[in-house]
PDB file of all heavy atoms in Angstrom:
ATOM      1  N   GLY A   1     -71.918 -14.206  -7.435  1.00  0.00           N
ATOM      2  CA  GLY A   1     -71.133 -14.613  -8.603  1.00  0.00           C
ATOM      3  C   GLY A   1     -69.664 -14.268  -8.458  1.00  0.00           C
ATOM      4  O   GLY A   1     -68.782 -15.104  -8.732  1.00  0.00           O
ATOM      5  N   LEU A   2     -69.365 -13.046  -8.038  1.00  0.00           N
ATOM      6  CA  LEU A   2     -67.973 -12.623  -7.887  1.00  0.00           C
ATOM      7  C   LEU A   2     -67.277 -13.379  -6.750  1.00  0.00           C
ATOM      8  O   LEU A   2     -66.108 -13.754  -6.863  1.00  0.00           O
ATOM      9  CB  LEU A   2     -67.903 -11.117  -7.639  1.00  0.00           C
ATOM     10  CG  LEU A   2     -68.305 -10.225  -8.805  1.00  0.00           C
ATOM     11  CD1 LEU A   2     -68.231  -8.754  -8.411  1.00  0.00           C
ATOM     12  CD2 LEU A   2     -67.415 -10.472 -10.015  1.00  0.00           C
ATOM     13  N   LEU A   3     -68.001 -13.603  -5.665  1.00  0.00           N
ATOM     14  CA  LEU A   3     -67.407 -14.327  -4.539  1.00  0.00           C
ATOM     15  C   LEU A   3     -67.178 -15.796  -4.891  1.00  0.00           C
ATOM     16  O   LEU A   3     -66.183 -16.403  -4.471  1.00  0.00           O
ATOM     17  CB  LEU A   3     -68.293 -14.200  -3.309  1.00  0.00           C
ATOM     18  CG  LEU A   3     -68.350 -12.789  -2.705  1.00  0.00           C
ATOM     19  CD1 LEU A   3     -69.474 -12.683  -1.681  1.00  0.00           C
ATOM     20  CD2 LEU A   3     -67.019 -12.411  -2.070  1.00  0.00           C
ATOM     21  N   ALA A   4     -68.090 -16.379  -5.661  1.00  0.00           N
ATOM     22  CA  ALA A   4     -67.893 -17.758  -6.112  1.00  0.00           C
ATOM     23  C   ALA A   4     -66.671 -17.853  -7.020  1.00  0.00           C
ATOM     24  O   ALA A   4     -65.884 -18.820  -6.933  1.00  0.00           O
ATOM     25  CB  ALA A   4     -69.141 -18.259  -6.838  1.00  0.00           C
ATOM     26  N   LEU A   5     -66.506 -16.864  -7.895  1.00  0.00           N
ATOM     27  CA  LEU A   5     -65.317 -16.839  -8.749  1.00  0.00           C
ATOM     28  C   LEU A   5     -64.055 -16.729  -7.906  1.00  0.00           C
ATOM     29  O   LEU A   5     -63.033 -17.367  -8.210  1.00  0.00           O
ATOM     30  CB  LEU A   5     -65.411 -15.669  -9.725  1.00  0.00           C
ATOM     31  CG  LEU A   5     -64.206 -15.457 -10.655  1.00  0.00           C
ATOM     32  CD1 LEU A   5     -64.024 -16.657 -11.576  1.00  0.00           C
ATOM     33  CD2 LEU A   5     -64.377 -14.167 -11.461  1.00  0.00           C
ATOM     34  N   THR A   6     -64.118 -15.942  -6.850  1.00  0.00           N
ATOM     35  CA  THR A   6     -62.969 -15.803  -5.950  1.00  0.00           C
ATOM     36  C   THR A   6     -62.606 -17.136  -5.310  1.00  0.00           C
ATOM     37  O   THR A   6     -61.422 -17.473  -5.164  1.00  0.00           O
ATOM     38  CB  THR A   6     -63.273 -14.758  -4.863  1.00  0.00           C
ATOM     39  OG1 THR A   6     -63.685 -13.534  -5.476  1.00  0.00           O
ATOM     40  CG2 THR A   6     -62.053 -14.500  -4.000  1.00  0.00           C
ATOM     41  N   LEU A   7     -63.607 -17.914  -4.937  1.00  0.00           N
ATOM     42  CA  LEU A   7     -63.360 -19.227  -4.356  1.00  0.00           C
ATOM     43  C   LEU A   7     -62.659 -20.154  -5.351  1.00  0.00           C
ATOM     44  O   LEU A   7     -61.792 -20.950  -4.985  1.00  0.00           O
ATOM     45  CB  LEU A   7     -64.680 -19.857  -3.903  1.00  0.00           C
ATOM     46  CG  LEU A   7     -65.373 -19.209  -2.700  1.00  0.00           C
ATOM     47  CD1 LEU A   7     -66.765 -19.792  -2.515  1.00  0.00           C
ATOM     48  CD2 LEU A   7     -64.547 -19.398  -1.444  1.00  0.00           C
ATOM     49  N   ILE A   8     -63.038 -20.022  -6.636  1.00  0.00           N
ATOM     50  CA  ILE A   8     -62.420 -20.862  -7.667  1.00  0.00           C
ATOM     51  C   ILE A   8     -60.984 -20.415  -7.940  1.00  0.00           C
ATOM     52  O   ILE A   8     -60.075 -21.242  -8.068  1.00  0.00           O
ATOM     53  CB  ILE A   8     -63.259 -20.797  -8.962  1.00  0.00           C
ATOM     54  CG1 ILE A   8     -64.643 -21.402  -8.722  1.00  0.00           C
ATOM     55  CG2 ILE A   8     -62.554 -21.525 -10.105  1.00  0.00           C
ATOM     56  CD1 ILE A   8     -65.606 -21.205  -9.871  1.00  0.00           C
ATOM     57  N   ILE A   9     -60.787 -19.111  -8.019  1.00  0.00           N
ATOM     58  CA  ILE A   9     -59.459 -18.575  -8.338  1.00  0.00           C
ATOM     59  C   ILE A   9     -58.476 -18.843  -7.212  1.00  0.00           C
ATOM     60  O   ILE A   9     -57.314 -19.212  -7.455  1.00  0.00           O
ATOM     61  CB  ILE A   9     -59.557 -17.056  -8.591  1.00  0.00           C
ATOM     62  CG1 ILE A   9     -60.350 -16.777  -9.865  1.00  0.00           C
ATOM     63  CG2 ILE A   9     -58.154 -16.442  -8.711  1.00  0.00           C
ATOM     64  CD1 ILE A   9     -60.597 -15.302 -10.092  1.00  0.00           C
ATOM     65  N   ALA A  10     -58.915 -18.652  -5.983  1.00  0.00           N
ATOM     66  CA  ALA A  10     -58.000 -18.749  -4.832  1.00  0.00           C
ATOM     67  C   ALA A  10     -58.580 -19.685  -3.779  1.00  0.00           C
ATOM     68  O   ALA A  10     -59.066 -19.242  -2.728  1.00  0.00           O
ATOM     69  CB  ALA A  10     -57.760 -17.365  -4.245  1.00  0.00           C
ATOM     70  N   PRO A  11     -58.562 -20.998  -4.039  1.00  0.00           N
ATOM     71  CA  PRO A  11     -59.124 -21.936  -3.063  1.00  0.00           C
ATOM     72  C   PRO A  11     -58.405 -21.918  -1.722  1.00  0.00           C
ATOM     73  O   PRO A  11     -58.991 -22.273  -0.703  1.00  0.00           O
ATOM     74  CB  PRO A  11     -58.966 -23.292  -3.766  1.00  0.00           C
ATOM     75  CG  PRO A  11     -57.886 -23.086  -4.777  1.00  0.00           C
ATOM     76  CD  PRO A  11     -58.018 -21.667  -5.227  1.00  0.00           C
ATOM     77  N   GLY A  12     -57.149 -21.461  -1.717  1.00  0.00           N
ATOM     78  CA  GLY A  12     -56.415 -21.388  -0.463  1.00  0.00           C
ATOM     79  C   GLY A  12     -56.811 -20.208   0.400  1.00  0.00           C
ATOM     80  O   GLY A  12     -56.367 -20.099   1.549  1.00  0.00           O
ATOM     81  N   ARG A  13     -57.633 -19.313  -0.153  1.00  0.00           N
ATOM     82  CA  ARG A  13     -58.098 -18.137   0.596  1.00  0.00           C
ATOM     83  C   ARG A  13     -59.623 -18.157   0.657  1.00  0.00           C
ATOM     84  O   ARG A  13     -60.286 -17.133   0.502  1.00  0.00           O
ATOM     85  CB  ARG A  13     -57.629 -16.852  -0.096  1.00  0.00           C
ATOM     86  CG  ARG A  13     -56.115 -16.746  -0.243  1.00  0.00           C
ATOM     87  CD  ARG A  13     -55.733 -15.617  -1.192  1.00  0.00           C
ATOM     88  NE  ARG A  13     -54.273 -15.500  -1.281  1.00  0.00           N
ATOM     89  CZ  ARG A  13     -53.574 -14.415  -0.975  1.00  0.00           C
ATOM     90  NH1 ARG A  13     -54.204 -13.340  -0.556  1.00  0.00           N
ATOM     91  NH2 ARG A  13     -52.262 -14.400  -1.081  1.00  0.00           N
ATOM     92  N   SER A  14     -60.206 -19.299   0.873  1.00  0.00           N
ATOM     93  CA  SER A  14     -61.634 -19.494   0.645  1.00  0.00           C
ATOM     94  C   SER A  14     -62.534 -19.055   1.792  1.00  0.00           C
ATOM     95  O   SER A  14     -63.700 -18.721   1.562  1.00  0.00           O
ATOM     96  CB  SER A  14     -61.903 -20.980   0.353  1.00  0.00           C
ATOM     97  OG  SER A  14     -61.479 -21.775   1.450  1.00  0.00           O
ATOM     98  N   LEU A  15     -62.041 -19.036   3.014  1.00  0.00           N
ATOM     99  CA  LEU A  15     -62.947 -18.793   4.139  1.00  0.00           C
ATOM    100  C   LEU A  15     -63.572 -17.391   4.125  1.00  0.00           C
ATOM    101  O   LEU A  15     -64.797 -17.259   4.294  1.00  0.00           O
ATOM    102  CB  LEU A  15     -62.212 -19.044   5.463  1.00  0.00           C
ATOM    103  CG  LEU A  15     -63.118 -19.179   6.701  1.00  0.00           C
ATOM    104  CD1 LEU A  15     -64.207 -20.220   6.465  1.00  0.00           C
ATOM    105  CD2 LEU A  15     -62.295 -19.515   7.927  1.00  0.00           C
ATOM    106  N   PRO A  16     -62.802 -16.304   3.954  1.00  0.00           N
ATOM    107  CA  PRO A  16     -63.444 -14.975   3.921  1.00  0.00           C
ATOM    108  C   PRO A  16     -64.501 -14.819   2.832  1.00  0.00           C
ATOM    109  O   PRO A  16     -65.613 -14.338   3.119  1.00  0.00           O
ATOM    110  CB  PRO A  16     -62.258 -14.023   3.729  1.00  0.00           C
ATOM    111  CG  PRO A  16     -61.092 -14.757   4.305  1.00  0.00           C
ATOM    112  CD  PRO A  16     -61.324 -16.189   3.961  1.00  0.00           C
ATOM    113  N   PRO A  17     -64.229 -15.209   1.551  1.00  0.00           N
ATOM    114  CA  PRO A  17     -65.300 -15.084   0.558  1.00  0.00           C
ATOM    115  C   PRO A  17     -66.472 -16.024   0.814  1.00  0.00           C
ATOM    116  O   PRO A  17     -67.610 -15.698   0.463  1.00  0.00           O
ATOM    117  CB  PRO A  17     -64.602 -15.413  -0.771  1.00  0.00           C
ATOM    118  CG  PRO A  17     -63.345 -16.098  -0.419  1.00  0.00           C
ATOM    119  CD  PRO A  17     -62.947 -15.579   0.915  1.00  0.00           C
ATOM    120  N   LEU A  18     -66.213 -17.175   1.439  1.00  0.00           N
ATOM    121  CA  LEU A  18     -67.313 -18.084   1.762  1.00  0.00           C
ATOM    122  C   LEU A  18     -68.229 -17.466   2.817  1.00  0.00           C
ATOM    123  O   LEU A  18     -69.469 -17.518   2.692  1.00  0.00           O
ATOM    124  CB  LEU A  18     -66.755 -19.418   2.269  1.00  0.00           C
ATOM    125  CG  LEU A  18     -67.777 -20.523   2.535  1.00  0.00           C
ATOM    126  CD1 LEU A  18     -68.542 -20.853   1.265  1.00  0.00           C
ATOM    127  CD2 LEU A  18     -67.093 -21.764   3.102  1.00  0.00           C
ATOM    128  N   ILE A  19     -67.638 -16.859   3.833  1.00  0.00           N
ATOM    129  CA  ILE A  19     -68.432 -16.173   4.860  1.00  0.00           C
ATOM    130  C   ILE A  19     -69.195 -14.998   4.235  1.00  0.00           C
ATOM    131  O   ILE A  19     -70.370 -14.767   4.542  1.00  0.00           O
ATOM    132  CB  ILE A  19     -67.519 -15.692   6.004  1.00  0.00           C
ATOM    133  CG1 ILE A  19     -66.949 -16.893   6.761  1.00  0.00           C
ATOM    134  CG2 ILE A  19     -68.281 -14.776   6.954  1.00  0.00           C
ATOM    135  CD1 ILE A  19     -65.930 -16.517   7.813  1.00  0.00           C
ATOM    136  N   ALA A  20     -68.530 -14.271   3.341  1.00  0.00           N
ATOM    137  CA  ALA A  20     -69.183 -13.133   2.681  1.00  0.00           C
ATOM    138  C   ALA A  20     -70.346 -13.604   1.809  1.00  0.00           C
ATOM    139  O   ALA A  20     -71.395 -12.941   1.738  1.00  0.00           O
ATOM    140  CB  ALA A  20     -68.169 -12.366   1.843  1.00  0.00           C
ATOM    141  N   THR A  21     -70.200 -14.753   1.143  1.00  0.00           N
ATOM    142  CA  THR A  21     -71.294 -15.302   0.335  1.00  0.00           C
ATOM    143  C   THR A  21     -72.499 -15.626   1.209  1.00  0.00           C
ATOM    144  O   THR A  21     -73.648 -15.309   0.857  1.00  0.00           O
ATOM    145  CB  THR A  21     -70.824 -16.573  -0.399  1.00  0.00           C
ATOM    146  OG1 THR A  21     -69.714 -16.261  -1.241  1.00  0.00           O
ATOM    147  CG2 THR A  21     -71.942 -17.152  -1.245  1.00  0.00           C
ATOM    148  N   CYS A  22     -72.253 -16.250   2.350  1.00  0.00           N
ATOM    149  CA  CYS A  22     -73.346 -16.541   3.281  1.00  0.00           C
ATOM    150  C   CYS A  22     -74.010 -15.253   3.768  1.00  0.00           C
ATOM    151  O   CYS A  22     -75.240 -15.193   3.923  1.00  0.00           O
ATOM    152  CB  CYS A  22     -72.814 -17.344   4.464  1.00  0.00           C
ATOM    153  SG  CYS A  22     -72.221 -18.998   4.030  1.00  0.00           S
ATOM    154  N   ALA A  23     -73.205 -14.216   3.984  1.00  0.00           N
ATOM    155  CA  ALA A  23     -73.755 -12.931   4.421  1.00  0.00           C
ATOM    156  C   ALA A  23     -74.634 -12.313   3.343  1.00  0.00           C
ATOM    157  O   ALA A  23     -75.688 -11.723   3.644  1.00  0.00           O
ATOM    158  CB  ALA A  23     -72.619 -11.982   4.793  1.00  0.00           C
ATOM    159  N   ALA A  24     -74.217 -12.430   2.068  1.00  0.00           N
ATOM    160  CA  ALA A  24     -75.024 -11.900   0.964  1.00  0.00           C
ATOM    161  C   ALA A  24     -76.369 -12.616   0.892  1.00  0.00           C
ATOM    162  O   ALA A  24     -77.423 -11.981   0.715  1.00  0.00           O
ATOM    163  CB  ALA A  24     -74.260 -12.050  -0.355  1.00  0.00           C
ATOM    164  N   LEU A  25     -76.345 -13.935   1.034  1.00  0.00           N
ATOM    165  CA  LEU A  25     -77.591 -14.705   0.988  1.00  0.00           C
ATOM    166  C   LEU A  25     -78.468 -14.395   2.196  1.00  0.00           C
ATOM    167  O   LEU A  25     -79.702 -14.309   2.077  1.00  0.00           O
ATOM    168  CB  LEU A  25     -77.268 -16.193   0.918  1.00  0.00           C
ATOM    169  CG  LEU A  25     -76.539 -16.658  -0.351  1.00  0.00           C
ATOM    170  CD1 LEU A  25     -76.160 -18.120  -0.252  1.00  0.00           C
ATOM    171  CD2 LEU A  25     -77.396 -16.414  -1.589  1.00  0.00           C
ATOM    172  N   ALA A  26     -77.852 -14.215   3.357  1.00  0.00           N
ATOM    173  CA  ALA A  26     -78.620 -13.859   4.553  1.00  0.00           C
ATOM    174  C   ALA A  26     -79.244 -12.472   4.410  1.00  0.00           C
ATOM    175  O   ALA A  26     -80.391 -12.248   4.814  1.00  0.00           O
ATOM    176  CB  ALA A  26     -77.716 -13.912   5.781  1.00  0.00           C
ATOM    177  N   SER A  27     -78.482 -11.552   3.824  1.00  0.00           N
ATOM    178  CA  SER A  27     -78.997 -10.203   3.586  1.00  0.00           C
ATOM    179  C   SER A  27     -80.192 -10.237   2.649  1.00  0.00           C
ATOM    180  O   SER A  27     -81.209  -9.573   2.883  1.00  0.00           O
ATOM    181  CB  SER A  27     -77.884  -9.336   3.008  1.00  0.00           C
ATOM    182  OG  SER A  27     -78.343  -8.029   2.728  1.00  0.00           O
ATOM    183  N   LEU A  28     -80.075 -11.034   1.583  1.00  0.00           N
ATOM    184  CA  LEU A  28     -81.193 -11.184   0.652  1.00  0.00           C
ATOM    185  C   LEU A  28     -82.402 -11.801   1.346  1.00  0.00           C
ATOM    186  O   LEU A  28     -83.539 -11.339   1.156  1.00  0.00           O
ATOM    187  CB  LEU A  28     -80.762 -12.040  -0.534  1.00  0.00           C
ATOM    188  CG  LEU A  28     -81.882 -12.396  -1.525  1.00  0.00           C
ATOM    189  CD1 LEU A  28     -82.367 -11.146  -2.246  1.00  0.00           C
ATOM    190  CD2 LEU A  28     -81.422 -13.450  -2.520  1.00  0.00           C
ATOM    191  N   ALA A  29     -82.179 -12.836   2.146  1.00  0.00           N
ATOM    192  CA  ALA A  29     -83.285 -13.504   2.832  1.00  0.00           C
ATOM    193  C   ALA A  29     -84.024 -12.548   3.758  1.00  0.00           C
ATOM    194  O   ALA A  29     -85.262 -12.526   3.802  1.00  0.00           O
ATOM    195  CB  ALA A  29     -82.749 -14.710   3.612  1.00  0.00           C
ATOM    196  N   ALA A  30     -83.274 -11.734   4.500  1.00  0.00           N
ATOM    197  CA  ALA A  30     -83.896 -10.769   5.404  1.00  0.00           C
ATOM    198  C   ALA A  30     -84.728  -9.756   4.626  1.00  0.00           C
ATOM    199  O   ALA A  30     -85.841  -9.392   5.032  1.00  0.00           O
ATOM    200  CB  ALA A  30     -82.824 -10.060   6.235  1.00  0.00           C
ATOM    201  N   LEU A  31     -84.196  -9.297   3.484  1.00  0.00           N
ATOM    202  CA  LEU A  31     -84.920  -8.322   2.672  1.00  0.00           C
ATOM    203  C   LEU A  31     -86.187  -8.934   2.079  1.00  0.00           C
ATOM    204  O   LEU A  31     -87.249  -8.293   2.057  1.00  0.00           O
ATOM    205  CB  LEU A  31     -84.006  -7.805   1.558  1.00  0.00           C
ATOM    206  CG  LEU A  31     -84.588  -6.738   0.632  1.00  0.00           C
ATOM    207  CD1 LEU A  31     -84.970  -5.500   1.427  1.00  0.00           C
ATOM    208  CD2 LEU A  31     -83.602  -6.375  -0.476  1.00  0.00           C
ATOM    209  N   VAL A  32     -86.097 -10.162   1.598  1.00  0.00           N
ATOM    210  CA  VAL A  32     -87.267 -10.829   1.023  1.00  0.00           C
ATOM    211  C   VAL A  32     -88.345 -11.035   2.080  1.00  0.00           C
ATOM    212  O   VAL A  32     -89.546 -10.839   1.822  1.00  0.00           O
ATOM    213  CB  VAL A  32     -86.852 -12.171   0.387  1.00  0.00           C
ATOM    214  CG1 VAL A  32     -88.082 -13.007   0.037  1.00  0.00           C
ATOM    215  CG2 VAL A  32     -86.021 -11.932  -0.866  1.00  0.00           C
ATOM    216  N   LEU A  33     -87.943 -11.431   3.287  1.00  0.00           N
ATOM    217  CA  LEU A  33     -88.923 -11.603   4.368  1.00  0.00           C
ATOM    218  C   LEU A  33     -89.621 -10.286   4.691  1.00  0.00           C
ATOM    219  O   LEU A  33     -90.839 -10.256   4.939  1.00  0.00           O
ATOM    220  CB  LEU A  33     -88.228 -12.159   5.612  1.00  0.00           C
ATOM    221  CG  LEU A  33     -87.785 -13.629   5.538  1.00  0.00           C
ATOM    222  CD1 LEU A  33     -86.993 -14.014   6.781  1.00  0.00           C
ATOM    223  CD2 LEU A  33     -89.000 -14.546   5.381  1.00  0.00           C
ATOM    224  N   PHE A  34     -88.851  -9.184   4.675  1.00  0.00           N
ATOM    225  CA  PHE A  34     -89.471  -7.877   4.914  1.00  0.00           C
ATOM    226  C   PHE A  34     -90.464  -7.541   3.810  1.00  0.00           C
ATOM    227  O   PHE A  34     -91.582  -7.074   4.079  1.00  0.00           O
ATOM    228  CB  PHE A  34     -88.394  -6.802   4.996  1.00  0.00           C
ATOM    229  CG  PHE A  34     -88.937  -5.398   4.934  1.00  0.00           C
ATOM    230  CD1 PHE A  34     -89.562  -4.832   6.030  1.00  0.00           C
ATOM    231  CD2 PHE A  34     -88.850  -4.655   3.762  1.00  0.00           C
ATOM    232  CE1 PHE A  34     -90.083  -3.557   5.979  1.00  0.00           C
ATOM    233  CE2 PHE A  34     -89.371  -3.374   3.693  1.00  0.00           C
ATOM    234  CZ  PHE A  34     -89.990  -2.811   4.800  1.00  0.00           C
ATOM    235  N   ARG A  35     -90.068  -7.770   2.562  1.00  0.00           N
ATOM    236  CA  ARG A  35     -90.975  -7.463   1.446  1.00  0.00           C
ATOM    237  C   ARG A  35     -92.242  -8.304   1.528  1.00  0.00           C
ATOM    238  O   ARG A  35     -93.346  -7.808   1.276  1.00  0.00           O
ATOM    239  CB  ARG A  35     -90.261  -7.703   0.111  1.00  0.00           C
ATOM    240  CG  ARG A  35     -89.188  -6.692  -0.236  1.00  0.00           C
ATOM    241  CD  ARG A  35     -88.515  -7.089  -1.527  1.00  0.00           C
ATOM    242  NE  ARG A  35     -87.425  -6.193  -1.919  1.00  0.00           N
ATOM    243  CZ  ARG A  35     -86.347  -6.589  -2.567  1.00  0.00           C
ATOM    244  NH1 ARG A  35     -86.201  -7.870  -2.904  1.00  0.00           N
ATOM    245  NH2 ARG A  35     -85.404  -5.725  -2.894  1.00  0.00           N
ATOM    246  N   LEU A  36     -92.084  -9.570   1.850  1.00  0.00           N
ATOM    247  CA  LEU A  36     -93.259 -10.441   1.948  1.00  0.00           C
ATOM    248  C   LEU A  36     -94.210  -9.978   3.046  1.00  0.00           C
ATOM    249  O   LEU A  36     -95.436 -10.008   2.882  1.00  0.00           O
ATOM    250  CB  LEU A  36     -92.820 -11.887   2.209  1.00  0.00           C
ATOM    251  CG  LEU A  36     -92.174 -12.622   1.035  1.00  0.00           C
ATOM    252  CD1 LEU A  36     -91.605 -13.964   1.485  1.00  0.00           C
ATOM    253  CD2 LEU A  36     -93.176 -12.825  -0.097  1.00  0.00           C
ATOM    254  N   SER A  37     -93.657  -9.527   4.165  1.00  0.00           N
ATOM    255  CA  SER A  37     -94.504  -9.079   5.269  1.00  0.00           C
ATOM    256  C   SER A  37     -95.140  -7.718   4.993  1.00  0.00           C
ATOM    257  O   SER A  37     -96.257  -7.445   5.437  1.00  0.00           O
ATOM    258  CB  SER A  37     -93.689  -9.016   6.567  1.00  0.00           C
ATOM    259  OG  SER A  37     -92.661  -8.043   6.467  1.00  0.00           O
ATOM    260  N   TYR A  38     -94.436  -6.878   4.228  1.00  0.00           N
ATOM    261  CA  TYR A  38     -94.921  -5.508   4.007  1.00  0.00           C
ATOM    262  C   TYR A  38     -95.719  -5.390   2.707  1.00  0.00           C
ATOM    263  O   TYR A  38     -96.801  -4.801   2.703  1.00  0.00           O
ATOM    264  CB  TYR A  38     -93.732  -4.558   3.987  1.00  0.00           C
ATOM    265  CG  TYR A  38     -94.121  -3.090   4.010  1.00  0.00           C
ATOM    266  CD1 TYR A  38     -94.412  -2.456   5.219  1.00  0.00           C
ATOM    267  CD2 TYR A  38     -94.205  -2.346   2.839  1.00  0.00           C
ATOM    268  CE1 TYR A  38     -94.771  -1.124   5.250  1.00  0.00           C
ATOM    269  CE2 TYR A  38     -94.567  -1.005   2.861  1.00  0.00           C
ATOM    270  CZ  TYR A  38     -94.845  -0.397   4.063  1.00  0.00           C
ATOM    271  OH  TYR A  38     -95.213   0.926   4.094  1.00  0.00           O
ATOM    272  N   PHE A  39     -95.156  -5.965   1.603  1.00  0.00           N
ATOM    273  CA  PHE A  39     -95.801  -5.821   0.288  1.00  0.00           C
ATOM    274  C   PHE A  39     -96.583  -7.071  -0.108  1.00  0.00           C
ATOM    275  O   PHE A  39     -97.509  -6.991  -0.903  1.00  0.00           O
ATOM    276  CB  PHE A  39     -94.755  -5.554  -0.799  1.00  0.00           C
ATOM    277  CG  PHE A  39     -93.950  -4.304  -0.581  1.00  0.00           C
ATOM    278  CD1 PHE A  39     -92.629  -4.369  -0.188  1.00  0.00           C
ATOM    279  CD2 PHE A  39     -94.512  -3.057  -0.780  1.00  0.00           C
ATOM    280  CE1 PHE A  39     -91.879  -3.229   0.011  1.00  0.00           C
ATOM    281  CE2 PHE A  39     -93.770  -1.905  -0.582  1.00  0.00           C
ATOM    282  CZ  PHE A  39     -92.452  -1.989  -0.178  1.00  0.00           C
ATOM    283  N   GLY A  40     -96.150  -8.231   0.412  1.00  0.00           N
ATOM    284  CA  GLY A  40     -96.773  -9.476   0.010  1.00  0.00           C
ATOM    285  C   GLY A  40     -96.088 -10.147  -1.162  1.00  0.00           C
ATOM    286  O   GLY A  40     -96.549 -11.193  -1.644  1.00  0.00           O
TER     287      GLY A  40
END
């Protein structure tokens, strides 16, 4: 949410927050895969 707001506020500085957003989603995906394999 905060990174998306940053993209809206400063479209000319979009690449770093865009990469960070992808990293947040990748981090979540890795954690969910671990939970699914360990806890179900």
